[in-house]
Amino acid sequence: MQNNSVAIIGAGIVGLCTAHALRKAGWQVTVFDAQDPGSQCSFGNAGALSEGSVAPLAMPGVIRQAASMLLDSTSALHVPLAYLLPAMPWFVRFIGASRPERVRQIATALHDLLTESVRHHTELAHDIGCAHLIKTTGQLHLYPDANSRDKDKASWQLKADFGLAMQSVDRAAIAELEPAVSDTYRCGWFLPDEGWVSDPFQYSQALARANTD
């Protein structure tokens, strides 16, 4: 391969956006994927464009909150008893990453990575002919009650510390913003500056076409 060439493994949105940016910068780019562009993880995700998603999974106290789920065979965090010992080195690193000073370092890095992402995707979608796929109507993050919302208080405070615009919403505000939401959800946050991709698969396909022009 040439000195100005690069290979990218994975033709999802991230890989295709990276390929597009590198091509514009003058690189020769080859994208490798056994499946069609955007047909895997990018096909089924929510398409959120979240500049404020700076809170890592390893937040202080997360192990205490998740401990009961680890041994619950019906939970999303279930770890078979026989695998607990082999997984212990990972758990130790995960707990280490939840130290407050480390969380702040990770959040800073994520903030630098995600800043202006909504604007960049809006401009990119316009350039490749699918501007209609990028929505800037904000995001709703909802909870069934205040107790559930308060469990995530540290994460939301961290996001607010890094400048995320947040508006508290009650059931009436939720119904006004999105009438189709079940009345099971009684409170949450509206994030007016966040965006989303209405069809991640179509976006991926448009990116793939742009990368072959």
N, C-alpha and C. Protein backbone atom coordinates (compact mmCIF):
# COMPACT_ATOMS: atom_id res chain seq x y z
N MET A 1 0.83 -1.20 0.00
CA MET A 1 0.00 0.00 0.00
C MET A 1 0.87 1.25 0.00
N GLN A 2 0.35 2.35 -0.53
CA GLN A 2 1.09 3.59 -0.59
C GLN A 2 1.24 4.21 0.79
N ASN A 3 2.20 5.13 0.92
CA ASN A 3 2.44 5.77 2.20
C ASN A 3 1.25 6.61 2.67
N ASN A 4 0.46 7.12 1.72
CA ASN A 4 -0.69 7.94 2.10
C ASN A 4 -1.99 7.14 2.06
N SER A 5 -1.88 5.82 2.25
CA SER A 5 -3.05 4.96 2.22
C SER A 5 -3.38 4.47 3.62
N VAL A 6 -4.65 4.17 3.84
CA VAL A 6 -5.09 3.69 5.15
C VAL A 6 -6.20 2.68 4.95
N ALA A 7 -6.24 1.68 5.81
CA ALA A 7 -7.30 0.68 5.79
C ALA A 7 -8.19 0.87 7.01
N ILE A 8 -9.49 0.78 6.83
CA ILE A 8 -10.47 0.90 7.92
C ILE A 8 -11.26 -0.38 7.99
N ILE A 9 -11.33 -0.96 9.18
CA ILE A 9 -12.07 -2.19 9.39
C ILE A 9 -13.45 -1.82 9.95
N GLY A 10 -14.49 -2.10 9.17
CA GLY A 10 -15.85 -1.84 9.63
C GLY A 10 -16.53 -0.73 8.86
N ALA A 11 -17.62 -1.06 8.18
CA ALA A 11 -18.36 -0.09 7.37
C ALA A 11 -19.64 0.34 8.04
N GLY A 12 -19.53 0.64 9.34
CA GLY A 12 -20.63 1.29 10.03
C GLY A 12 -20.48 2.79 9.91
N ILE A 13 -21.32 3.54 10.64
CA ILE A 13 -21.28 4.99 10.54
C ILE A 13 -19.92 5.55 10.94
N VAL A 14 -19.34 5.04 12.01
CA VAL A 14 -18.04 5.56 12.47
C VAL A 14 -16.96 5.31 11.42
N GLY A 15 -16.88 4.08 10.93
CA GLY A 15 -15.87 3.76 9.93
C GLY A 15 -16.05 4.56 8.65
N LEU A 16 -17.29 4.70 8.21
CA LEU A 16 -17.57 5.41 6.96
C LEU A 16 -17.33 6.91 7.10
N CYS A 17 -17.68 7.49 8.26
CA CYS A 17 -17.39 8.91 8.48
C CYS A 17 -15.88 9.14 8.52
N THR A 18 -15.17 8.23 9.14
CA THR A 18 -13.70 8.34 9.19
C THR A 18 -13.12 8.26 7.79
N ALA A 19 -13.63 7.32 7.00
CA ALA A 19 -13.15 7.17 5.63
C ALA A 19 -13.43 8.43 4.82
N HIS A 20 -14.60 9.00 4.99
CA HIS A 20 -14.97 10.21 4.24
C HIS A 20 -14.04 11.36 4.59
N ALA A 21 -13.77 11.56 5.88
CA ALA A 21 -12.89 12.64 6.31
C ALA A 21 -11.46 12.45 5.80
N LEU A 22 -10.99 11.21 5.84
CA LEU A 22 -9.62 10.94 5.37
C LEU A 22 -9.50 11.15 3.86
N ARG A 23 -10.51 10.74 3.12
CA ARG A 23 -10.49 10.96 1.66
C ARG A 23 -10.45 12.44 1.33
N LYS A 24 -11.22 13.25 2.05
CA LYS A 24 -11.22 14.69 1.81
C LYS A 24 -9.86 15.29 2.15
N ALA A 25 -9.15 14.65 3.08
CA ALA A 25 -7.82 15.13 3.47
C ALA A 25 -6.71 14.62 2.55
N GLY A 26 -7.09 13.85 1.52
CA GLY A 26 -6.12 13.41 0.54
C GLY A 26 -5.59 12.00 0.70
N TRP A 27 -6.16 11.23 1.60
CA TRP A 27 -5.70 9.85 1.81
C TRP A 27 -6.40 8.89 0.84
N GLN A 28 -5.69 7.81 0.52
CA GLN A 28 -6.28 6.70 -0.21
C GLN A 28 -6.86 5.73 0.81
N VAL A 29 -8.16 5.54 0.79
CA VAL A 29 -8.83 4.79 1.85
C VAL A 29 -9.48 3.52 1.30
N THR A 30 -9.27 2.42 2.01
CA THR A 30 -9.96 1.16 1.72
C THR A 30 -10.71 0.73 2.97
N VAL A 31 -12.02 0.50 2.81
CA VAL A 31 -12.86 0.07 3.94
C VAL A 31 -13.16 -1.42 3.77
N PHE A 32 -12.89 -2.19 4.81
CA PHE A 32 -13.13 -3.64 4.78
C PHE A 32 -14.31 -3.99 5.69
N ASP A 33 -15.24 -4.75 5.16
CA ASP A 33 -16.35 -5.27 5.95
C ASP A 33 -16.96 -6.44 5.21
N ALA A 34 -17.22 -7.53 5.93
CA ALA A 34 -17.78 -8.71 5.29
C ALA A 34 -19.25 -8.52 4.93
N GLN A 35 -19.90 -7.52 5.53
CA GLN A 35 -21.32 -7.28 5.31
C GLN A 35 -21.52 -5.96 4.58
N ASP A 36 -22.75 -5.71 4.16
CA ASP A 36 -23.07 -4.46 3.47
C ASP A 36 -22.90 -3.26 4.41
N PRO A 37 -22.52 -2.10 3.88
CA PRO A 37 -22.34 -0.91 4.71
C PRO A 37 -23.58 -0.60 5.54
N GLY A 38 -23.36 -0.39 6.84
CA GLY A 38 -24.44 -0.01 7.73
C GLY A 38 -25.42 -1.10 8.07
N SER A 39 -25.14 -2.34 7.71
CA SER A 39 -26.12 -3.41 7.90
C SER A 39 -26.00 -4.12 9.24
N GLN A 40 -25.03 -3.75 10.05
CA GLN A 40 -24.84 -4.44 11.31
C GLN A 40 -25.22 -3.53 12.49
N CYS A 41 -24.28 -3.14 13.33
CA CYS A 41 -24.63 -2.32 14.50
C CYS A 41 -25.28 -1.00 14.11
N SER A 42 -24.81 -0.39 13.04
CA SER A 42 -25.38 0.90 12.64
C SER A 42 -26.81 0.76 12.13
N PHE A 43 -27.21 -0.43 11.77
CA PHE A 43 -28.58 -0.65 11.28
C PHE A 43 -29.59 -0.56 12.42
N GLY A 44 -29.21 -1.08 13.58
CA GLY A 44 -30.19 -1.21 14.66
C GLY A 44 -30.04 -0.24 15.81
N ASN A 45 -29.12 0.73 15.70
CA ASN A 45 -28.97 1.63 16.84
C ASN A 45 -29.97 2.78 16.79
N ALA A 46 -29.96 3.61 17.84
CA ALA A 46 -30.95 4.68 17.96
C ALA A 46 -30.58 5.92 17.16
N GLY A 47 -29.37 5.99 16.64
CA GLY A 47 -28.96 7.13 15.83
C GLY A 47 -28.77 8.41 16.61
N ALA A 48 -28.50 8.30 17.91
CA ALA A 48 -28.34 9.50 18.74
C ALA A 48 -27.04 10.23 18.40
N LEU A 49 -27.14 11.56 18.26
CA LEU A 49 -25.98 12.43 18.11
C LEU A 49 -25.89 13.23 19.40
N SER A 50 -25.02 12.79 20.29
CA SER A 50 -25.04 13.30 21.66
C SER A 50 -23.71 13.92 22.04
N GLU A 51 -23.61 15.23 21.86
CA GLU A 51 -22.39 15.92 22.26
C GLU A 51 -22.15 15.83 23.76
N GLY A 52 -23.22 15.68 24.52
CA GLY A 52 -23.10 15.69 25.97
C GLY A 52 -22.88 14.34 26.61
N SER A 53 -22.68 13.29 25.83
CA SER A 53 -22.52 11.94 26.41
C SER A 53 -21.10 11.73 26.92
N VAL A 54 -20.76 12.47 27.94
CA VAL A 54 -19.39 12.43 28.45
C VAL A 54 -19.25 11.55 29.69
N ALA A 55 -20.35 11.02 30.22
CA ALA A 55 -20.28 10.21 31.43
C ALA A 55 -19.95 8.77 31.06
N PRO A 56 -18.83 8.23 31.54
CA PRO A 56 -18.48 6.84 31.23
C PRO A 56 -19.37 5.87 32.01
N LEU A 57 -19.34 4.61 31.59
CA LEU A 57 -20.11 3.59 32.32
C LEU A 57 -19.57 3.41 33.73
N ALA A 58 -18.27 3.51 33.87
CA ALA A 58 -17.64 3.30 35.17
C ALA A 58 -17.71 4.57 36.01
N MET A 59 -18.89 4.85 36.54
CA MET A 59 -19.08 5.98 37.44
C MET A 59 -18.89 5.53 38.88
N PRO A 60 -18.53 6.46 39.77
CA PRO A 60 -18.40 6.09 41.19
C PRO A 60 -19.68 5.43 41.71
N GLY A 61 -19.53 4.30 42.39
CA GLY A 61 -20.67 3.60 42.96
C GLY A 61 -21.37 2.65 42.02
N VAL A 62 -20.90 2.55 40.76
CA VAL A 62 -21.63 1.73 39.79
C VAL A 62 -21.58 0.24 40.15
N ILE A 63 -20.46 -0.22 40.71
CA ILE A 63 -20.36 -1.63 41.08
C ILE A 63 -21.36 -1.96 42.19
N ARG A 64 -21.51 -1.04 43.15
CA ARG A 64 -22.46 -1.27 44.23
C ARG A 64 -23.88 -1.37 43.68
N GLN A 65 -24.20 -0.51 42.71
CA GLN A 65 -25.53 -0.53 42.13
C GLN A 65 -25.76 -1.77 41.28
N ALA A 66 -24.69 -2.24 40.63
CA ALA A 66 -24.84 -3.34 39.67
C ALA A 66 -24.62 -4.72 40.29
N ALA A 67 -24.12 -4.76 41.53
CA ALA A 67 -23.73 -6.04 42.12
C ALA A 67 -24.87 -7.06 42.10
N SER A 68 -26.06 -6.63 42.43
CA SER A 68 -27.18 -7.57 42.48
C SER A 68 -27.55 -8.10 41.10
N MET A 69 -27.20 -7.34 40.06
CA MET A 69 -27.54 -7.75 38.70
C MET A 69 -26.56 -8.80 38.17
N LEU A 70 -25.34 -8.82 38.70
CA LEU A 70 -24.31 -9.70 38.16
C LEU A 70 -24.69 -11.18 38.31
N LEU A 71 -25.36 -11.50 39.39
CA LEU A 71 -25.72 -12.90 39.64
C LEU A 71 -27.17 -13.21 39.28
N ASP A 72 -27.88 -12.23 38.75
CA ASP A 72 -29.27 -12.42 38.34
C ASP A 72 -29.29 -12.89 36.88
N SER A 73 -29.67 -14.12 36.65
CA SER A 73 -29.61 -14.70 35.30
C SER A 73 -30.54 -14.01 34.32
N THR A 74 -31.48 -13.21 34.81
CA THR A 74 -32.40 -12.52 33.91
C THR A 74 -31.96 -11.09 33.60
N SER A 75 -30.88 -10.64 34.21
CA SER A 75 -30.46 -9.24 34.02
C SER A 75 -29.51 -9.11 32.84
N ALA A 76 -29.39 -7.86 32.36
CA ALA A 76 -28.50 -7.59 31.22
C ALA A 76 -27.03 -7.66 31.62
N LEU A 77 -26.74 -7.62 32.93
CA LEU A 77 -25.35 -7.64 33.40
C LEU A 77 -24.96 -8.98 34.01
N HIS A 78 -25.76 -10.00 33.74
CA HIS A 78 -25.49 -11.30 34.36
C HIS A 78 -24.13 -11.86 33.95
N VAL A 79 -23.38 -12.32 34.95
CA VAL A 79 -22.11 -13.01 34.71
C VAL A 79 -22.21 -14.37 35.37
N PRO A 80 -22.08 -15.47 34.61
CA PRO A 80 -22.15 -16.81 35.20
C PRO A 80 -21.13 -16.96 36.33
N LEU A 81 -21.53 -17.65 37.38
CA LEU A 81 -20.67 -17.81 38.55
C LEU A 81 -19.30 -18.37 38.18
N ALA A 82 -19.27 -19.31 37.25
CA ALA A 82 -18.00 -19.93 36.86
C ALA A 82 -17.07 -18.95 36.15
N TYR A 83 -17.61 -17.85 35.66
CA TYR A 83 -16.79 -16.89 34.92
C TYR A 83 -16.34 -15.71 35.78
N LEU A 84 -16.81 -15.64 37.02
CA LEU A 84 -16.46 -14.50 37.87
C LEU A 84 -14.96 -14.40 38.10
N LEU A 85 -14.31 -15.52 38.37
CA LEU A 85 -12.86 -15.48 38.62
C LEU A 85 -12.08 -15.07 37.37
N PRO A 86 -12.34 -15.70 36.19
CA PRO A 86 -11.62 -15.24 34.98
C PRO A 86 -11.89 -13.77 34.66
N ALA A 87 -13.07 -13.28 35.02
CA ALA A 87 -13.41 -11.89 34.70
C ALA A 87 -12.87 -10.89 35.72
N MET A 88 -12.33 -11.40 36.83
CA MET A 88 -11.92 -10.51 37.91
C MET A 88 -10.91 -9.44 37.48
N PRO A 89 -9.90 -9.74 36.64
CA PRO A 89 -8.98 -8.66 36.22
C PRO A 89 -9.70 -7.51 35.52
N TRP A 90 -10.72 -7.85 34.72
CA TRP A 90 -11.49 -6.79 34.06
C TRP A 90 -12.26 -5.97 35.08
N PHE A 91 -12.88 -6.64 36.06
CA PHE A 91 -13.63 -5.93 37.10
C PHE A 91 -12.72 -4.98 37.87
N VAL A 92 -11.51 -5.43 38.16
CA VAL A 92 -10.56 -4.58 38.90
C VAL A 92 -10.24 -3.33 38.10
N ARG A 93 -10.00 -3.48 36.80
CA ARG A 93 -9.72 -2.31 35.96
C ARG A 93 -10.95 -1.40 35.86
N PHE A 94 -12.12 -2.02 35.79
CA PHE A 94 -13.36 -1.25 35.70
C PHE A 94 -13.57 -0.42 36.97
N ILE A 95 -13.35 -1.03 38.11
CA ILE A 95 -13.49 -0.31 39.37
C ILE A 95 -12.47 0.82 39.44
N GLY A 96 -11.24 0.56 38.97
CA GLY A 96 -10.23 1.61 38.96
C GLY A 96 -10.63 2.78 38.09
N ALA A 97 -11.32 2.49 36.98
CA ALA A 97 -11.75 3.55 36.08
C ALA A 97 -12.90 4.38 36.66
N SER A 98 -13.51 3.89 37.74
CA SER A 98 -14.62 4.62 38.34
C SER A 98 -14.17 5.59 39.43
N ARG A 99 -12.87 5.70 39.67
CA ARG A 99 -12.38 6.69 40.63
C ARG A 99 -12.72 8.09 40.13
N PRO A 100 -13.13 9.00 40.99
CA PRO A 100 -13.57 10.33 40.54
C PRO A 100 -12.58 11.05 39.64
N GLU A 101 -11.28 10.98 39.98
CA GLU A 101 -10.31 11.69 39.15
C GLU A 101 -10.18 11.05 37.77
N ARG A 102 -10.32 9.72 37.71
CA ARG A 102 -10.24 9.04 36.42
C ARG A 102 -11.50 9.32 35.60
N VAL A 103 -12.65 9.35 36.25
CA VAL A 103 -13.90 9.68 35.56
C VAL A 103 -13.79 11.06 34.93
N ARG A 104 -13.22 12.02 35.65
CA ARG A 104 -13.08 13.37 35.12
C ARG A 104 -12.15 13.39 33.90
N GLN A 105 -11.09 12.60 33.94
CA GLN A 105 -10.18 12.51 32.78
C GLN A 105 -10.90 11.93 31.56
N ILE A 106 -11.67 10.88 31.78
CA ILE A 106 -12.39 10.24 30.68
C ILE A 106 -13.43 11.20 30.12
N ALA A 107 -14.14 11.88 31.01
CA ALA A 107 -15.17 12.83 30.56
C ALA A 107 -14.57 13.96 29.74
N THR A 108 -13.40 14.42 30.14
CA THR A 108 -12.72 15.48 29.39
C THR A 108 -12.37 15.00 27.98
N ALA A 109 -11.85 13.77 27.90
CA ALA A 109 -11.49 13.22 26.59
C ALA A 109 -12.73 13.04 25.71
N LEU A 110 -13.83 12.56 26.29
CA LEU A 110 -15.06 12.39 25.53
C LEU A 110 -15.62 13.75 25.08
N HIS A 111 -15.52 14.73 25.95
CA HIS A 111 -16.00 16.07 25.59
C HIS A 111 -15.23 16.62 24.38
N ASP A 112 -13.90 16.44 24.39
CA ASP A 112 -13.08 16.90 23.27
C ASP A 112 -13.45 16.16 21.98
N LEU A 113 -13.78 14.88 22.11
CA LEU A 113 -14.11 14.07 20.94
C LEU A 113 -15.49 14.42 20.37
N LEU A 114 -16.44 14.71 21.25
CA LEU A 114 -17.84 14.85 20.83
C LEU A 114 -18.27 16.28 20.53
N THR A 115 -17.48 17.26 20.95
CA THR A 115 -17.86 18.65 20.75
C THR A 115 -18.14 18.95 19.27
N GLU A 116 -19.26 19.62 19.02
CA GLU A 116 -19.69 20.02 17.68
C GLU A 116 -20.09 18.85 16.79
N SER A 117 -20.33 17.67 17.38
CA SER A 117 -20.66 16.51 16.55
C SER A 117 -21.99 16.68 15.82
N VAL A 118 -22.96 17.32 16.45
CA VAL A 118 -24.24 17.53 15.77
C VAL A 118 -24.04 18.42 14.55
N ARG A 119 -23.29 19.49 14.71
CA ARG A 119 -23.03 20.39 13.57
C ARG A 119 -22.26 19.67 12.47
N HIS A 120 -21.26 18.90 12.86
CA HIS A 120 -20.46 18.20 11.84
C HIS A 120 -21.30 17.19 11.06
N HIS A 121 -22.15 16.44 11.75
CA HIS A 121 -23.00 15.48 11.05
C HIS A 121 -24.02 16.20 10.17
N THR A 122 -24.53 17.32 10.63
CA THR A 122 -25.47 18.09 9.83
C THR A 122 -24.82 18.54 8.52
N GLU A 123 -23.60 19.05 8.63
CA GLU A 123 -22.88 19.50 7.44
C GLU A 123 -22.52 18.33 6.53
N LEU A 124 -22.10 17.22 7.13
CA LEU A 124 -21.73 16.05 6.33
C LEU A 124 -22.94 15.50 5.59
N ALA A 125 -24.07 15.37 6.27
CA ALA A 125 -25.28 14.85 5.62
C ALA A 125 -25.71 15.76 4.47
N HIS A 126 -25.55 17.06 4.65
CA HIS A 126 -25.88 17.99 3.56
C HIS A 126 -24.96 17.76 2.37
N ASP A 127 -23.68 17.56 2.64
CA ASP A 127 -22.69 17.37 1.56
C ASP A 127 -22.95 16.11 0.74
N ILE A 128 -23.47 15.06 1.39
CA ILE A 128 -23.64 13.79 0.68
C ILE A 128 -25.10 13.56 0.25
N GLY A 129 -25.91 14.59 0.38
CA GLY A 129 -27.26 14.53 -0.16
C GLY A 129 -28.32 13.86 0.69
N CYS A 130 -28.13 13.83 2.01
CA CYS A 130 -29.17 13.24 2.86
C CYS A 130 -29.40 14.09 4.10
N ALA A 131 -29.47 15.40 3.89
CA ALA A 131 -29.65 16.32 5.01
C ALA A 131 -30.93 16.03 5.79
N HIS A 132 -31.94 15.46 5.12
CA HIS A 132 -33.22 15.20 5.78
C HIS A 132 -33.12 14.15 6.88
N LEU A 133 -32.03 13.38 6.90
CA LEU A 133 -31.89 12.33 7.90
C LEU A 133 -31.41 12.85 9.25
N ILE A 134 -30.84 14.02 9.29
CA ILE A 134 -30.33 14.57 10.54
C ILE A 134 -31.39 15.46 11.18
N LYS A 135 -31.79 15.12 12.38
CA LYS A 135 -32.83 15.86 13.08
C LYS A 135 -32.21 16.62 14.26
N THR A 136 -32.63 17.85 14.42
CA THR A 136 -32.09 18.68 15.50
C THR A 136 -33.22 19.13 16.44
N THR A 137 -34.13 18.21 16.70
CA THR A 137 -35.28 18.50 17.55
C THR A 137 -35.03 18.15 19.01
N GLY A 138 -33.79 17.80 19.35
CA GLY A 138 -33.46 17.48 20.73
C GLY A 138 -33.73 16.02 21.08
N GLN A 139 -33.44 15.68 22.32
CA GLN A 139 -33.64 14.32 22.81
C GLN A 139 -34.37 14.35 24.14
N LEU A 140 -35.18 13.32 24.37
CA LEU A 140 -35.83 13.11 25.66
C LEU A 140 -35.20 11.90 26.34
N HIS A 141 -34.80 12.05 27.59
CA HIS A 141 -34.32 10.93 28.40
C HIS A 141 -35.28 10.80 29.57
N LEU A 142 -36.03 9.71 29.60
CA LEU A 142 -37.19 9.63 30.49
C LEU A 142 -37.07 8.51 31.52
N TYR A 143 -37.78 8.71 32.64
CA TYR A 143 -37.77 7.77 33.76
C TYR A 143 -39.21 7.59 34.27
N PRO A 144 -39.49 6.44 34.87
CA PRO A 144 -40.84 6.22 35.39
C PRO A 144 -41.15 7.04 36.63
N ASP A 145 -40.12 7.43 37.38
CA ASP A 145 -40.36 8.23 38.58
C ASP A 145 -39.07 8.94 38.96
N ALA A 146 -39.19 9.85 39.94
CA ALA A 146 -38.05 10.66 40.35
C ALA A 146 -36.95 9.81 40.98
N ASN A 147 -37.32 8.75 41.69
CA ASN A 147 -36.31 7.89 42.31
C ASN A 147 -35.42 7.25 41.25
N SER A 148 -36.01 6.81 40.15
CA SER A 148 -35.23 6.22 39.07
C SER A 148 -34.30 7.25 38.46
N ARG A 149 -34.80 8.47 38.27
CA ARG A 149 -33.98 9.53 37.70
C ARG A 149 -32.81 9.87 38.63
N ASP A 150 -33.07 9.88 39.93
CA ASP A 150 -32.03 10.27 40.88
C ASP A 150 -30.88 9.27 40.94
N LYS A 151 -31.12 8.02 40.54
CA LYS A 151 -30.05 7.04 40.50
C LYS A 151 -28.97 7.43 39.50
N ASP A 152 -29.34 8.23 38.51
CA ASP A 152 -28.39 8.69 37.50
C ASP A 152 -27.93 10.12 37.76
N LYS A 153 -28.15 10.61 38.98
CA LYS A 153 -27.87 12.01 39.29
C LYS A 153 -26.42 12.38 39.02
N ALA A 154 -25.49 11.51 39.39
CA ALA A 154 -24.07 11.81 39.21
C ALA A 154 -23.72 11.95 37.73
N SER A 155 -24.27 11.09 36.89
CA SER A 155 -24.01 11.17 35.45
C SER A 155 -24.53 12.47 34.86
N TRP A 156 -25.75 12.84 35.24
CA TRP A 156 -26.33 14.06 34.70
C TRP A 156 -25.58 15.30 35.20
N GLN A 157 -25.13 15.26 36.44
CA GLN A 157 -24.37 16.40 36.96
C GLN A 157 -23.06 16.55 36.21
N LEU A 158 -22.42 15.41 35.92
CA LEU A 158 -21.17 15.45 35.16
C LEU A 158 -21.39 16.05 33.78
N LYS A 159 -22.47 15.65 33.13
CA LYS A 159 -22.79 16.19 31.81
C LYS A 159 -23.06 17.69 31.88
N ALA A 160 -23.78 18.11 32.92
CA ALA A 160 -24.06 19.53 33.09
C ALA A 160 -22.77 20.31 33.33
N ASP A 161 -21.83 19.71 34.07
CA ASP A 161 -20.55 20.36 34.34
C ASP A 161 -19.79 20.65 33.05
N PHE A 162 -20.01 19.82 32.03
CA PHE A 162 -19.33 20.00 30.75
C PHE A 162 -20.19 20.78 29.75
N GLY A 163 -21.24 21.41 30.24
CA GLY A 163 -21.98 22.35 29.41
C GLY A 163 -23.22 21.83 28.73
N LEU A 164 -23.68 20.63 29.06
CA LEU A 164 -24.88 20.11 28.42
C LEU A 164 -26.10 20.91 28.86
N ALA A 165 -26.87 21.39 27.89
CA ALA A 165 -28.12 22.09 28.18
C ALA A 165 -29.20 21.06 28.54
N MET A 166 -29.82 21.22 29.70
CA MET A 166 -30.80 20.25 30.20
C MET A 166 -32.01 20.98 30.74
N GLN A 167 -33.18 20.45 30.42
CA GLN A 167 -34.42 21.00 30.94
C GLN A 167 -35.21 19.87 31.61
N SER A 168 -35.51 20.04 32.89
CA SER A 168 -36.31 19.04 33.60
C SER A 168 -37.73 19.02 33.04
N VAL A 169 -38.28 17.81 32.85
CA VAL A 169 -39.63 17.69 32.31
C VAL A 169 -40.47 16.79 33.21
N ASP A 170 -41.73 17.20 33.40
CA ASP A 170 -42.69 16.36 34.12
C ASP A 170 -43.61 15.69 33.10
N ARG A 171 -44.65 15.01 33.58
CA ARG A 171 -45.51 14.26 32.66
C ARG A 171 -46.18 15.17 31.64
N ALA A 172 -46.61 16.36 32.07
CA ALA A 172 -47.28 17.28 31.14
C ALA A 172 -46.34 17.75 30.05
N ALA A 173 -45.10 18.06 30.43
CA ALA A 173 -44.12 18.52 29.44
C ALA A 173 -43.75 17.40 28.47
N ILE A 174 -43.65 16.18 28.99
CA ILE A 174 -43.34 15.04 28.13
C ILE A 174 -44.44 14.86 27.08
N ALA A 175 -45.69 14.92 27.51
CA ALA A 175 -46.82 14.74 26.59
C ALA A 175 -46.86 15.85 25.55
N GLU A 176 -46.46 17.04 25.92
CA GLU A 176 -46.45 18.14 24.96
C GLU A 176 -45.34 17.97 23.93
N LEU A 177 -44.17 17.50 24.39
CA LEU A 177 -43.05 17.32 23.48
C LEU A 177 -43.22 16.11 22.58
N GLU A 178 -43.76 15.02 23.16
CA GLU A 178 -43.92 13.78 22.39
C GLU A 178 -45.15 13.04 22.89
N PRO A 179 -46.31 13.32 22.30
CA PRO A 179 -47.57 12.73 22.76
C PRO A 179 -47.60 11.21 22.72
N ALA A 180 -46.78 10.59 21.88
CA ALA A 180 -46.84 9.13 21.73
C ALA A 180 -46.15 8.37 22.86
N VAL A 181 -45.43 9.07 23.72
CA VAL A 181 -44.73 8.39 24.81
C VAL A 181 -45.73 7.88 25.84
N SER A 182 -45.55 6.64 26.28
CA SER A 182 -46.43 6.04 27.28
C SER A 182 -46.45 6.87 28.57
N ASP A 183 -47.59 6.90 29.23
CA ASP A 183 -47.68 7.66 30.48
C ASP A 183 -46.98 6.94 31.63
N THR A 184 -46.32 5.81 31.31
CA THR A 184 -45.46 5.15 32.30
C THR A 184 -44.31 6.07 32.69
N TYR A 185 -43.89 6.90 31.75
CA TYR A 185 -42.76 7.80 31.99
C TYR A 185 -43.27 9.13 32.53
N ARG A 186 -42.84 9.45 33.75
CA ARG A 186 -43.39 10.59 34.46
C ARG A 186 -42.44 11.78 34.59
N CYS A 187 -41.15 11.58 34.35
CA CYS A 187 -40.20 12.67 34.50
C CYS A 187 -38.95 12.37 33.69
N GLY A 188 -38.08 13.34 33.59
CA GLY A 188 -36.84 13.13 32.85
C GLY A 188 -36.19 14.44 32.47
N TRP A 189 -35.41 14.38 31.39
CA TRP A 189 -34.67 15.54 30.90
C TRP A 189 -34.90 15.70 29.41
N PHE A 190 -35.08 16.94 29.00
CA PHE A 190 -35.10 17.29 27.59
C PHE A 190 -33.79 17.98 27.27
N LEU A 191 -33.11 17.49 26.24
CA LEU A 191 -31.80 18.02 25.84
C LEU A 191 -31.99 18.71 24.49
N PRO A 192 -32.21 20.02 24.49
CA PRO A 192 -32.61 20.72 23.26
C PRO A 192 -31.53 20.80 22.19
N ASP A 193 -30.26 20.68 22.58
CA ASP A 193 -29.18 20.86 21.61
C ASP A 193 -28.67 19.55 21.02
N GLU A 194 -29.19 18.42 21.50
CA GLU A 194 -28.76 17.14 20.96
C GLU A 194 -29.54 16.81 19.69
N GLY A 195 -29.00 15.88 18.89
CA GLY A 195 -29.66 15.53 17.63
C GLY A 195 -29.80 14.04 17.47
N TRP A 196 -30.26 13.62 16.30
CA TRP A 196 -30.39 12.19 16.03
C TRP A 196 -30.50 11.96 14.53
N VAL A 197 -30.18 10.74 14.14
CA VAL A 197 -30.27 10.31 12.75
C VAL A 197 -31.54 9.48 12.62
N SER A 198 -32.45 9.90 11.75
CA SER A 198 -33.75 9.23 11.67
C SER A 198 -33.65 7.83 11.07
N ASP A 199 -32.64 7.59 10.24
CA ASP A 199 -32.46 6.26 9.64
C ASP A 199 -30.96 6.01 9.49
N PRO A 200 -30.31 5.41 10.50
CA PRO A 200 -28.87 5.18 10.44
C PRO A 200 -28.43 4.32 9.25
N PHE A 201 -29.29 3.39 8.83
CA PHE A 201 -28.91 2.55 7.68
C PHE A 201 -28.84 3.38 6.41
N GLN A 202 -29.85 4.22 6.16
CA GLN A 202 -29.81 5.07 4.97
C GLN A 202 -28.61 6.03 5.02
N TYR A 203 -28.32 6.53 6.20
CA TYR A 203 -27.16 7.41 6.36
C TYR A 203 -25.88 6.67 6.00
N SER A 204 -25.75 5.45 6.48
CA SER A 204 -24.57 4.64 6.17
C SER A 204 -24.46 4.37 4.67
N GLN A 205 -25.58 4.06 4.05
CA GLN A 205 -25.58 3.81 2.61
C GLN A 205 -25.16 5.06 1.83
N ALA A 206 -25.64 6.23 2.26
CA ALA A 206 -25.26 7.47 1.60
C ALA A 206 -23.77 7.74 1.78
N LEU A 207 -23.25 7.46 2.96
CA LEU A 207 -21.82 7.62 3.20
C LEU A 207 -21.01 6.67 2.33
N ALA A 208 -21.49 5.42 2.21
CA ALA A 208 -20.78 4.45 1.38
C ALA A 208 -20.74 4.90 -0.08
N ARG A 209 -21.86 5.42 -0.57
CA ARG A 209 -21.87 5.92 -1.94
C ARG A 209 -20.91 7.08 -2.13
N ALA A 210 -20.88 7.97 -1.13
CA ALA A 210 -19.99 9.12 -1.22
C ALA A 210 -18.53 8.70 -1.22
N ASN A 211 -18.23 7.60 -0.55
CA ASN A 211 -16.85 7.11 -0.47
C ASN A 211 -16.41 6.38 -1.73
N THR A 212 -17.35 6.09 -2.62
CA THR A 212 -16.98 5.41 -3.87
C THR A 212 -17.06 6.34 -5.08
N ASP A 213 -17.48 7.58 -4.86
CA ASP A 213 -17.57 8.54 -5.97
C ASP A 213 -16.20 8.89 -6.51
